[in-house]
Amino acid sequence: MTNEPTLYLIPVPLAEVEHRTCLPEYNREVVGSLKHFVVENIRSARRFLKAVDRSIDINSLTFFELNKHTSPEDVAAFLAPMRSGESLGVISEAGCPAVADPGSDVVALAQREGYRVEPLVGPSSILLALMGSGFNGQRFAFLGYLPIDDAARAQAIRDLEHRLLATGETQIFIETPYRNEKLVEELVRLCKPSTRLCIASEVTSANALIQTRALSQWRGHIPAIHKKPTIFVLGR
């Protein structure tokens, strides 16, 4: 750690597991040194901090809540502690802040204003899914959520399969959990039977599933991933 005001990006476990299985001791030291946090949800952030170190006085901390409704003016105000010489932590709901996460807005502002940014080591469901898929890890793209509109969604699926087949670029995407199984059905229907899909669900939990099959093999054998956090990886 440093005396220079720093924006620390603090990963959170992806599942209900012992923190020591996925977070280094250094993270605990950093968390214990901070008094100000930007978080997605104050209640879950408080629970995370207490699990990291029970000696932390939660009521003495300052929390700034960041979500899709937060205005740019509010985001700018979150850096007030850094402007006063204090460090600031960013905590997402799960995984690594600023990756498929609104925390990137705070990071962008800190970079523009010249503050030191330190991302801490921790689990990323996106990278863990890629690691476990067996697909090309040299060239890949994370696409976030596919469109909701049926026609736009179908076109997006055809486009990402085309990129995969044309370039070998692994395609990674996510879905709202209650639509997970429908997405797999659409991939089976719209893509070539030989295209391969890795389903990475509840990664790092005791019930984790990371399995790669040709889409023809997933047909009629879609796992029970309804309402479960899942990453989808298309490869060859």
C-alpha atoms as a PDB file:
ATOM      1  CA  MET A   1       0.000   0.000   0.000  1.00  0.00           C
ATOM      2  CA  THR A   2       1.013   3.603  -0.498  1.00  0.00           C
ATOM      3  CA  ASN A   3       0.397   6.975   1.123  1.00  0.00           C
ATOM      4  CA  GLU A   4      -0.672   8.336  -2.270  1.00  0.00           C
ATOM      5  CA  PRO A   5      -4.473   8.602  -2.650  1.00  0.00           C
ATOM      6  CA  THR A   6      -5.416   5.441  -4.529  1.00  0.00           C
ATOM      7  CA  LEU A   7      -8.572   4.021  -6.060  1.00  0.00           C
ATOM      8  CA  TYR A   8      -8.560   0.350  -5.066  1.00  0.00           C
ATOM      9  CA  LEU A   9     -10.694  -2.040  -7.151  1.00  0.00           C
ATOM     10  CA  ILE A  10     -11.710  -4.752  -4.698  1.00  0.00           C
ATOM     11  CA  PRO A  11     -12.948  -8.126  -6.040  1.00  0.00           C
ATOM     12  CA  VAL A  12     -15.764 -10.002  -4.285  1.00  0.00           C
ATOM     13  CA  PRO A  13     -16.222 -13.807  -4.267  1.00  0.00           C
ATOM     14  CA  LEU A  14     -18.553 -15.126  -6.963  1.00  0.00           C
ATOM     15  CA  ALA A  15     -20.263 -17.572  -4.606  1.00  0.00           C
ATOM     16  CA  GLU A  16     -20.756 -18.277  -0.908  1.00  0.00           C
ATOM     17  CA  VAL A  17     -17.238 -19.558  -0.264  1.00  0.00           C
ATOM     18  CA  GLU A  18     -14.477 -18.940   2.249  1.00  0.00           C
ATOM     19  CA  HIS A  19     -12.755 -15.725   1.181  1.00  0.00           C
ATOM     20  CA  ARG A  20      -9.307 -17.216   1.597  1.00  0.00           C
ATOM     21  CA  THR A  21     -10.051 -19.614  -1.292  1.00  0.00           C
ATOM     22  CA  CYS A  22     -10.199 -16.781  -3.839  1.00  0.00           C
ATOM     23  CA  LEU A  23      -8.863 -13.565  -2.261  1.00  0.00           C
ATOM     24  CA  PRO A  24      -5.258 -12.916  -1.154  1.00  0.00           C
ATOM     25  CA  GLU A  25      -4.360 -11.644   2.309  1.00  0.00           C
ATOM     26  CA  TYR A  26      -3.240  -8.345   0.798  1.00  0.00           C
ATOM     27  CA  ASN A  27      -6.858  -7.570  -0.108  1.00  0.00           C
ATOM     28  CA  ARG A  28      -7.883  -7.899   3.534  1.00  0.00           C
ATOM     29  CA  GLU A  29      -5.145  -5.476   4.525  1.00  0.00           C
ATOM     30  CA  VAL A  30      -6.271  -2.938   1.941  1.00  0.00           C
ATOM     31  CA  VAL A  31      -9.933  -3.237   2.918  1.00  0.00           C
ATOM     32  CA  GLY A  32      -9.071  -2.709   6.580  1.00  0.00           C
ATOM     33  CA  SER A  33      -7.219   0.500   5.762  1.00  0.00           C
ATOM     34  CA  LEU A  34     -10.062   2.194   3.883  1.00  0.00           C
ATOM     35  CA  LYS A  35     -12.834   4.412   5.194  1.00  0.00           C
ATOM     36  CA  HIS A  36     -14.654   5.232   1.950  1.00  0.00           C
ATOM     37  CA  PHE A  37     -16.225   2.868  -0.587  1.00  0.00           C
ATOM     38  CA  VAL A  38     -18.141   3.088  -3.860  1.00  0.00           C
ATOM     39  CA  VAL A  39     -20.515   0.124  -3.979  1.00  0.00           C
ATOM     40  CA  GLU A  40     -23.362  -1.313  -6.054  1.00  0.00           C
ATOM     41  CA  ASN A  41     -25.431  -2.193  -3.010  1.00  0.00           C
ATOM     42  CA  ILE A  42     -24.701  -0.890   0.487  1.00  0.00           C
ATOM     43  CA  ARG A  43     -26.229  -3.827   2.350  1.00  0.00           C
ATOM     44  CA  SER A  44     -24.281  -6.508   0.494  1.00  0.00           C
ATOM     45  CA  ALA A  45     -21.091  -4.411   0.642  1.00  0.00           C
ATOM     46  CA  ARG A  46     -21.388  -4.125   4.402  1.00  0.00           C
ATOM     47  CA  ARG A  47     -21.872  -7.893   4.622  1.00  0.00           C
ATOM     48  CA  PHE A  48     -18.788  -8.487   2.460  1.00  0.00           C
ATOM     49  CA  LEU A  49     -16.610  -6.156   4.519  1.00  0.00           C
ATOM     50  CA  LYS A  50     -17.681  -7.778   7.775  1.00  0.00           C
ATOM     51  CA  ALA A  51     -16.851 -11.209   6.343  1.00  0.00           C
ATOM     52  CA  VAL A  52     -13.402  -9.982   5.316  1.00  0.00           C
ATOM     53  CA  ASP A  53     -12.587  -8.624   8.777  1.00  0.00           C
ATOM     54  CA  ARG A  54     -15.010  -8.762  11.698  1.00  0.00           C
ATOM     55  CA  SER A  55     -13.048  -6.066  13.518  1.00  0.00           C
ATOM     56  CA  ILE A  56     -14.031  -3.427  10.943  1.00  0.00           C
ATOM     57  CA  ASP A  57     -16.322  -0.758  12.407  1.00  0.00           C
ATOM     58  CA  ILE A  58     -18.895  -0.731   9.605  1.00  0.00           C
ATOM     59  CA  ASN A  59     -20.763   2.273  11.041  1.00  0.00           C
ATOM     60  CA  SER A  60     -17.655   4.441  10.764  1.00  0.00           C
ATOM     61  CA  LEU A  61     -17.425   3.926   6.992  1.00  0.00           C
ATOM     62  CA  THR A  62     -18.765   6.088   4.177  1.00  0.00           C
ATOM     63  CA  PHE A  63     -20.594   4.418   1.283  1.00  0.00           C
ATOM     64  CA  PHE A  64     -21.427   5.895  -2.115  1.00  0.00           C
ATOM     65  CA  GLU A  65     -23.965   3.830  -4.055  1.00  0.00           C
ATOM     66  CA  LEU A  66     -23.314   3.427  -7.785  1.00  0.00           C
ATOM     67  CA  ASN A  67     -25.799   1.840 -10.172  1.00  0.00           C
ATOM     68  CA  LYS A  68     -27.417   2.497 -13.570  1.00  0.00           C
ATOM     69  CA  HIS A  69     -29.474   5.337 -12.054  1.00  0.00           C
ATOM     70  CA  THR A  70     -26.471   7.270 -10.687  1.00  0.00           C
ATOM     71  CA  SER A  71     -25.932  10.606 -12.442  1.00  0.00           C
ATOM     72  CA  PRO A  72     -22.522  11.739 -13.766  1.00  0.00           C
ATOM     73  CA  GLU A  73     -22.628  14.576 -11.210  1.00  0.00           C
ATOM     74  CA  ASP A  74     -22.995  12.074  -8.367  1.00  0.00           C
ATOM     75  CA  VAL A  75     -20.127   9.959  -9.728  1.00  0.00           C
ATOM     76  CA  ALA A  76     -17.898  13.040  -9.769  1.00  0.00           C
ATOM     77  CA  ALA A  77     -18.746  13.683  -6.111  1.00  0.00           C
ATOM     78  CA  PHE A  78     -17.654  10.152  -5.143  1.00  0.00           C
ATOM     79  CA  LEU A  79     -14.005  11.170  -5.566  1.00  0.00           C
ATOM     80  CA  ALA A  80     -14.250  13.778  -2.789  1.00  0.00           C
ATOM     81  CA  PRO A  81     -12.201  11.624  -0.351  1.00  0.00           C
ATOM     82  CA  MET A  82      -9.382  11.335  -2.904  1.00  0.00           C
ATOM     83  CA  ARG A  83      -9.380  15.078  -3.436  1.00  0.00           C
ATOM     84  CA  SER A  84      -8.870  15.347   0.337  1.00  0.00           C
ATOM     85  CA  GLY A  85      -5.908  12.959   0.222  1.00  0.00           C
ATOM     86  CA  GLU A  86      -7.688   9.717   1.208  1.00  0.00           C
ATOM     87  CA  SER A  87      -7.933   6.448  -0.689  1.00  0.00           C
ATOM     88  CA  LEU A  88     -11.188   4.984  -1.987  1.00  0.00           C
ATOM     89  CA  GLY A  89     -12.364   1.413  -2.580  1.00  0.00           C
ATOM     90  CA  VAL A  90     -14.727   0.165  -5.311  1.00  0.00           C
ATOM     91  CA  ILE A  91     -16.775  -2.975  -4.610  1.00  0.00           C
ATOM     92  CA  SER A  92     -19.134  -4.679  -7.066  1.00  0.00           C
ATOM     93  CA  GLU A  93     -21.799  -7.248  -6.226  1.00  0.00           C
ATOM     94  CA  ALA A  94     -19.601 -10.165  -7.318  1.00  0.00           C
ATOM     95  CA  GLY A  95     -16.319 -10.636  -9.127  1.00  0.00           C
ATOM     96  CA  CYS A  96     -14.047  -7.848 -10.320  1.00  0.00           C
ATOM     97  CA  PRO A  97     -15.166  -4.202 -10.287  1.00  0.00           C
ATOM     98  CA  ALA A  98     -15.324  -2.274 -13.570  1.00  0.00           C
ATOM     99  CA  VAL A  99     -15.672  -5.438 -15.709  1.00  0.00           C
ATOM    100  CA  ALA A 100     -19.280  -5.636 -16.967  1.00  0.00           C
ATOM    101  CA  ASP A 101     -19.908  -3.358 -14.001  1.00  0.00           C
ATOM    102  CA  PRO A 102     -20.775   0.335 -13.459  1.00  0.00           C
ATOM    103  CA  GLY A 103     -17.583   0.800 -11.421  1.00  0.00           C
ATOM    104  CA  SER A 104     -15.812   1.617 -14.686  1.00  0.00           C
ATOM    105  CA  ASP A 105     -17.347   5.113 -14.524  1.00  0.00           C
ATOM    106  CA  VAL A 106     -15.475   5.843 -11.307  1.00  0.00           C
ATOM    107  CA  VAL A 107     -12.244   4.398 -12.690  1.00  0.00           C
ATOM    108  CA  ALA A 108     -12.529   6.525 -15.834  1.00  0.00           C
ATOM    109  CA  LEU A 109     -12.959   9.667 -13.746  1.00  0.00           C
ATOM    110  CA  ALA A 110     -10.024   8.784 -11.482  1.00  0.00           C
ATOM    111  CA  GLN A 111      -7.837   8.224 -14.546  1.00  0.00           C
ATOM    112  CA  ARG A 112      -8.860  11.562 -16.053  1.00  0.00           C
ATOM    113  CA  GLU A 113      -8.003  13.354 -12.819  1.00  0.00           C
ATOM    114  CA  GLY A 114      -4.643  11.624 -12.557  1.00  0.00           C
ATOM    115  CA  TYR A 115      -5.206   9.512  -9.442  1.00  0.00           C
ATOM    116  CA  ARG A 116      -3.428   6.220  -8.853  1.00  0.00           C
ATOM    117  CA  VAL A 117      -5.600   3.168  -9.631  1.00  0.00           C
ATOM    118  CA  GLU A 118      -4.799  -0.282  -8.225  1.00  0.00           C
ATOM    119  CA  PRO A 119      -6.884  -3.308  -9.305  1.00  0.00           C
ATOM    120  CA  LEU A 120      -6.607  -6.073  -6.713  1.00  0.00           C
ATOM    121  CA  VAL A 121      -6.363  -9.772  -7.509  1.00  0.00           C
ATOM    122  CA  GLY A 122      -9.597 -11.759  -7.384  1.00  0.00           C
ATOM    123  CA  PRO A 123     -12.065 -13.941  -9.283  1.00  0.00           C
ATOM    124  CA  SER A 124     -13.546 -12.978 -12.652  1.00  0.00           C
ATOM    125  CA  SER A 125     -16.309 -15.273 -13.903  1.00  0.00           C
ATOM    126  CA  ILE A 126     -15.529 -14.192 -17.466  1.00  0.00           C
ATOM    127  CA  LEU A 127     -11.878 -15.234 -17.372  1.00  0.00           C
ATOM    128  CA  LEU A 128     -12.551 -18.352 -15.306  1.00  0.00           C
ATOM    129  CA  ALA A 129     -15.133 -19.462 -17.878  1.00  0.00           C
ATOM    130  CA  LEU A 130     -12.655 -18.853 -20.704  1.00  0.00           C
ATOM    131  CA  MET A 131      -9.934 -20.738 -18.841  1.00  0.00           C
ATOM    132  CA  GLY A 132     -12.202 -23.725 -18.323  1.00  0.00           C
ATOM    133  CA  SER A 133     -13.696 -23.782 -21.826  1.00  0.00           C
ATOM    134  CA  GLY A 134     -10.739 -25.147 -23.768  1.00  0.00           C
ATOM    135  CA  PHE A 135     -11.213 -22.428 -26.408  1.00  0.00           C
ATOM    136  CA  ASN A 136      -8.823 -19.889 -27.902  1.00  0.00           C
ATOM    137  CA  GLY A 137      -7.424 -17.796 -25.056  1.00  0.00           C
ATOM    138  CA  GLN A 138      -5.183 -15.732 -27.350  1.00  0.00           C
ATOM    139  CA  ARG A 139      -8.032 -13.987 -29.129  1.00  0.00           C
ATOM    140  CA  PHE A 140     -11.437 -13.517 -27.530  1.00  0.00           C
ATOM    141  CA  ALA A 141     -14.227 -10.966 -27.127  1.00  0.00           C
ATOM    142  CA  PHE A 142     -16.620 -10.295 -24.267  1.00  0.00           C
ATOM    143  CA  LEU A 143     -19.945  -9.093 -25.672  1.00  0.00           C
ATOM    144  CA  GLY A 144     -21.959  -8.520 -22.493  1.00  0.00           C
ATOM    145  CA  TYR A 145     -25.707  -9.049 -22.904  1.00  0.00           C
ATOM    146  CA  LEU A 146     -27.203  -9.925 -26.276  1.00  0.00           C
ATOM    147  CA  PRO A 147     -30.197  -7.854 -27.506  1.00  0.00           C
ATOM    148  CA  ILE A 148     -33.623  -8.603 -26.033  1.00  0.00           C
ATOM    149  CA  ASP A 149     -35.545  -8.047 -29.275  1.00  0.00           C
ATOM    150  CA  ASP A 150     -35.975 -11.419 -30.991  1.00  0.00           C
ATOM    151  CA  ALA A 151     -34.857 -10.328 -34.448  1.00  0.00           C
ATOM    152  CA  ALA A 152     -31.872  -8.315 -33.198  1.00  0.00           C
ATOM    153  CA  ARG A 153     -30.912 -11.152 -30.885  1.00  0.00           C
ATOM    154  CA  ALA A 154     -31.002 -13.736 -33.667  1.00  0.00           C
ATOM    155  CA  GLN A 155     -28.836 -11.475 -35.850  1.00  0.00           C
ATOM    156  CA  ALA A 156     -26.370 -10.940 -32.995  1.00  0.00           C
ATOM    157  CA  ILE A 157     -26.036 -14.698 -32.535  1.00  0.00           C
ATOM    158  CA  ARG A 158     -25.409 -15.215 -36.262  1.00  0.00           C
ATOM    159  CA  ASP A 159     -22.860 -12.382 -36.235  1.00  0.00           C
ATOM    160  CA  LEU A 160     -20.887 -13.728 -33.297  1.00  0.00           C
ATOM    161  CA  GLU A 161     -20.786 -17.225 -34.811  1.00  0.00           C
ATOM    162  CA  HIS A 162     -19.564 -15.699 -38.073  1.00  0.00           C
ATOM    163  CA  ARG A 163     -16.728 -13.914 -36.231  1.00  0.00           C
ATOM    164  CA  LEU A 164     -15.832 -17.145 -34.479  1.00  0.00           C
ATOM    165  CA  LEU A 165     -15.703 -19.180 -37.694  1.00  0.00           C
ATOM    166  CA  ALA A 166     -13.969 -16.455 -39.715  1.00  0.00           C
ATOM    167  CA  THR A 167     -11.288 -15.481 -37.193  1.00  0.00           C
ATOM    168  CA  GLY A 168     -11.191 -18.145 -34.472  1.00  0.00           C
ATOM    169  CA  GLU A 169     -12.026 -15.427 -31.927  1.00  0.00           C
ATOM    170  CA  THR A 170     -13.730 -16.957 -28.892  1.00  0.00           C
ATOM    171  CA  GLN A 171     -17.075 -15.277 -28.141  1.00  0.00           C
ATOM    172  CA  ILE A 172     -18.094 -14.720 -24.496  1.00  0.00           C
ATOM    173  CA  PHE A 173     -21.479 -13.370 -23.379  1.00  0.00           C
ATOM    174  CA  ILE A 174     -23.992 -13.384 -20.534  1.00  0.00           C
ATOM    175  CA  GLU A 175     -27.740 -13.432 -20.074  1.00  0.00           C
ATOM    176  CA  THR A 176     -30.273 -12.403 -17.473  1.00  0.00           C
ATOM    177  CA  PRO A 177     -30.365 -15.625 -15.393  1.00  0.00           C
ATOM    178  CA  TYR A 178     -34.061 -16.363 -15.856  1.00  0.00           C
ATOM    179  CA  ARG A 179     -33.493 -16.465 -19.653  1.00  0.00           C
ATOM    180  CA  ASN A 180     -30.420 -18.730 -19.551  1.00  0.00           C
ATOM    181  CA  GLU A 181     -32.076 -21.891 -20.833  1.00  0.00           C
ATOM    182  CA  LYS A 182     -33.938 -20.042 -23.588  1.00  0.00           C
ATOM    183  CA  LEU A 183     -30.611 -18.633 -24.786  1.00  0.00           C
ATOM    184  CA  VAL A 184     -29.108 -22.105 -25.097  1.00  0.00           C
ATOM    185  CA  GLU A 185     -32.177 -23.221 -27.066  1.00  0.00           C
ATOM    186  CA  GLU A 186     -31.672 -20.277 -29.438  1.00  0.00           C
ATOM    187  CA  LEU A 187     -27.978 -21.056 -29.899  1.00  0.00           C
ATOM    188  CA  VAL A 188     -28.827 -24.674 -30.720  1.00  0.00           C
ATOM    189  CA  ARG A 189     -31.449 -23.541 -33.227  1.00  0.00           C
ATOM    190  CA  LEU A 190     -29.490 -20.759 -34.938  1.00  0.00           C
ATOM    191  CA  CYS A 191     -25.866 -21.952 -34.969  1.00  0.00           C
ATOM    192  CA  LYS A 192     -24.104 -24.793 -36.750  1.00  0.00           C
ATOM    193  CA  PRO A 193     -24.378 -28.148 -34.932  1.00  0.00           C
ATOM    194  CA  SER A 194     -20.583 -28.450 -34.840  1.00  0.00           C
ATOM    195  CA  THR A 195     -20.044 -25.064 -33.141  1.00  0.00           C
ATOM    196  CA  ARG A 196     -19.045 -25.644 -29.540  1.00  0.00           C
ATOM    197  CA  LEU A 197     -20.563 -24.016 -26.460  1.00  0.00           C
ATOM    198  CA  CYS A 198     -19.148 -23.907 -22.958  1.00  0.00           C
ATOM    199  CA  ILE A 199     -21.692 -23.317 -20.196  1.00  0.00           C
ATOM    200  CA  ALA A 200     -20.000 -21.992 -17.049  1.00  0.00           C
ATOM    201  CA  SER A 201     -22.593 -21.715 -14.274  1.00  0.00           C
ATOM    202  CA  GLU A 202     -22.179 -20.794 -10.598  1.00  0.00           C
ATOM    203  CA  VAL A 203     -18.411 -20.687 -11.077  1.00  0.00           C
ATOM    204  CA  THR A 204     -16.336 -21.324  -7.892  1.00  0.00           C
ATOM    205  CA  SER A 205     -19.369 -22.631  -5.968  1.00  0.00           C
ATOM    206  CA  ALA A 206     -19.830 -26.194  -4.750  1.00  0.00           C
ATOM    207  CA  ASN A 207     -22.413 -26.631  -7.547  1.00  0.00           C
ATOM    208  CA  ALA A 208     -20.260 -25.181 -10.325  1.00  0.00           C
ATOM    209  CA  LEU A 209     -20.760 -26.450 -13.867  1.00  0.00           C
ATOM    210  CA  ILE A 210     -18.131 -25.789 -16.553  1.00  0.00           C
ATOM    211  CA  GLN A 211     -18.811 -28.022 -19.529  1.00  0.00           C
ATOM    212  CA  THR A 212     -18.024 -27.737 -23.242  1.00  0.00           C
ATOM    213  CA  ARG A 213     -19.980 -29.589 -25.910  1.00  0.00           C
ATOM    214  CA  ALA A 214     -20.927 -29.228 -29.562  1.00  0.00           C
ATOM    215  CA  LEU A 215     -24.302 -27.514 -29.871  1.00  0.00           C
ATOM    216  CA  SER A 216     -25.709 -30.723 -31.342  1.00  0.00           C
ATOM    217  CA  GLN A 217     -24.868 -32.420 -28.032  1.00  0.00           C
ATOM    218  CA  TRP A 218     -26.592 -29.734 -25.963  1.00  0.00           C
ATOM    219  CA  ARG A 219     -29.835 -30.269 -27.887  1.00  0.00           C
ATOM    220  CA  GLY A 220     -32.303 -31.884 -25.495  1.00  0.00           C
ATOM    221  CA  HIS A 221     -29.696 -31.912 -22.712  1.00  0.00           C
ATOM    222  CA  ILE A 222     -29.680 -28.339 -21.445  1.00  0.00           C
ATOM    223  CA  PRO A 223     -28.594 -28.285 -17.778  1.00  0.00           C
ATOM    224  CA  ALA A 224     -30.728 -26.742 -15.024  1.00  0.00           C
ATOM    225  CA  ILE A 225     -29.261 -23.233 -15.153  1.00  0.00           C
ATOM    226  CA  HIS A 226     -32.492 -21.270 -14.715  1.00  0.00           C
ATOM    227  CA  LYS A 227     -31.844 -18.230 -12.492  1.00  0.00           C
ATOM    228  CA  LYS A 228     -28.196 -19.255 -11.941  1.00  0.00           C
ATOM    229  CA  PRO A 229     -25.318 -16.843 -12.732  1.00  0.00           C
ATOM    230  CA  THR A 230     -23.883 -18.209 -15.979  1.00  0.00           C
ATOM    231  CA  ILE A 231     -21.274 -17.313 -18.572  1.00  0.00           C
ATOM    232  CA  PHE A 232     -21.630 -18.583 -22.153  1.00  0.00           C
ATOM    233  CA  VAL A 233     -18.548 -19.173 -24.307  1.00  0.00           C
ATOM    234  CA  LEU A 234     -18.775 -20.037 -27.994  1.00  0.00           C
ATOM    235  CA  GLY A 235     -15.727 -21.573 -29.632  1.00  0.00           C
ATOM    236  CA  ARG A 236     -14.419 -24.191 -31.998  1.00  0.00           C
END
